[in-house]
Amino acid sequence: MTVRVLIADDEEMVRYGFRMILEAQPDITVVAEAEDGISAVEAARRHTPDVVLMDIRMPNMDGLEATRILLSSVAPPPRVVVLTTFDRDEYVYEALKAGASAFLLKASPPEQLAAAVRVVAAGDALLHPAITKRLIQDFARRPTPREGMAPELRGLTEREVEVMRLIARGLSNREIAGRLYLAEATVKTHVVHILAKLGLRDRSQIVVLAYETGLVQPGGE
């Protein structure tokens, strides 16, 4: 299956570079380009891409607002990979809250760009490792302490809560399997159940909800 991609960036040379990287892949095609958030939303509605590469800082409408609109008004909603030269933590958090499935720096190697497109098109999430570490340790908003389990999570089993907590700590399915002495396939099943029970799209939304409900605390163990 060919992954259809929309590139949204206000710099023509950047769009050209991304197009060259992606169209060199046999399973990826670029269906449209956009120079700001408004035209990105319009192009997504017209071309129905599977994945949108979204710059954060663009004129008229920034990439965060465009992502929110895309994921709430376009059917079926595309997956969004946020690309930026900025690695400030608040951008990461706001991109995740807006619904982005991946966050990469523009300085990432070309193979990471193609890999990110494939990963999110398959329904998973991907964050630049350095950004993920800072997000988990230093930035995520500290929710008001609660007594007991947050109401949003009470439908999860005890094992699913454990898996959710480890996802929020940045562990992969393989690492979670090793930590909990489970088969990797079992961990994948737990992740599917967590997503379904909580009405979430992918792992990035699990991370956000885990912090917002107080299931994990920034910098904690």
Foldseek 3Di string as FASTA:
>chain_A
DAFEEEEEAQDPVLVVVLQVLQVVDPRYHYDYYHNALVVSLVVCQVPVGQEYEAEADGPPHGRLVSLLCQVVPHVPRHAYEYEYQDLPLVVVLSNLVSPHQEYYYSPDDSVVSNVQSVQVSVQEGYYDVVSLQCNQAPDQDAEDDDDDFFPLCVVADPVLLVLLVVLLVVDDLVRSCVVVVHDSVVSVVSQVVVCVSNVHRYSSNSNNVCRHRVSDDHNDD
